[in-house]
Amino acid sequence: MNPKVDFYFNKAVWQKELEQLRNIVLGCGLTEELKWGCPCYSFEKSNIVLIHVFKEYCAVLFFKGALLNDTSGILIQQTKNVQAARQMRFINVKEIVKLKSILKAYIFEAIEVERAGLKVPLKKTAEFSMPEEFKNKFNKNAALKTAFYALTPGRQRGYLLHFAAPKQSKTRESRIEKCMPQIFDGKGLND
C-alpha cells in the first residue's frame, strides 16, 4: 500500500467497495501508485489497472483490456472512442466478492499481456472522420492545416472527436472556431 494513495480510499462514497478492490488488486503483486488522481497499479513500471469511481459505480480499468479474453463477458468499453481500455464495473461489495476470482484471473491475464509485450492496434488518425466544417476551414486557411498536422496524433484525434461530436453544423463550427487559437499554439484540447 502506498500512503500517497490512501486519501482516495477514505472517501465517503464507495469506501467499502474501494477497500475491497484495493485488497484484491494488491493481492496480485502489483505496485500501487497515484496517477491521474487515481490509484494505479503497475507491473515492472507498466500500467496494468486503475481503480476509479463514478456516480453510479466504481470500476477497475484494464489499460489493455481490449486484448483480454473476456470469457465472462463483463468488460465494458466506456465509450465507442475508447480503443484499448476496458472496465469491470461494480455497484456493491457483494458483487465484488462474487466476482473476486474472475477479477484476479483478468488481472493475472493483463500481467501476462504486458509480459508478452502485446500492443493494442490503435486506429490511425487518418481513420477518424473529419467533419466537413473542419475540411472547409482547411481549404480557406492553409496555416490552420499546417498547425493541425504539426500536432501529435493524440491531439489530432482529440480535436477530431471533439469537432465531430455535435449533431448540428452550427455547434461544430463554433467548436472549431473556439479551438483554432489552441491549435495554432500547438496545444491539445485539454492542455
Foldseek 3Di string as FASTA:
>chain_A
DDPVQVVVLPDPPCNVVVVLVVVLLVVLVWDWDADPNWTFTHDPPHTAWTWADDDQWTWIKGQQVVPFPPVVPQWADPDPQDQGITIRIDRDPVVCVVCSVVVSVRSVVSVVCVVVVDDGDDDFLVPQDADPLVVVVCVVDVLLVVLLVVADRVLNNQLRCVLPPDPDPVVSNVSCVVCSVCSNVNHGPVD
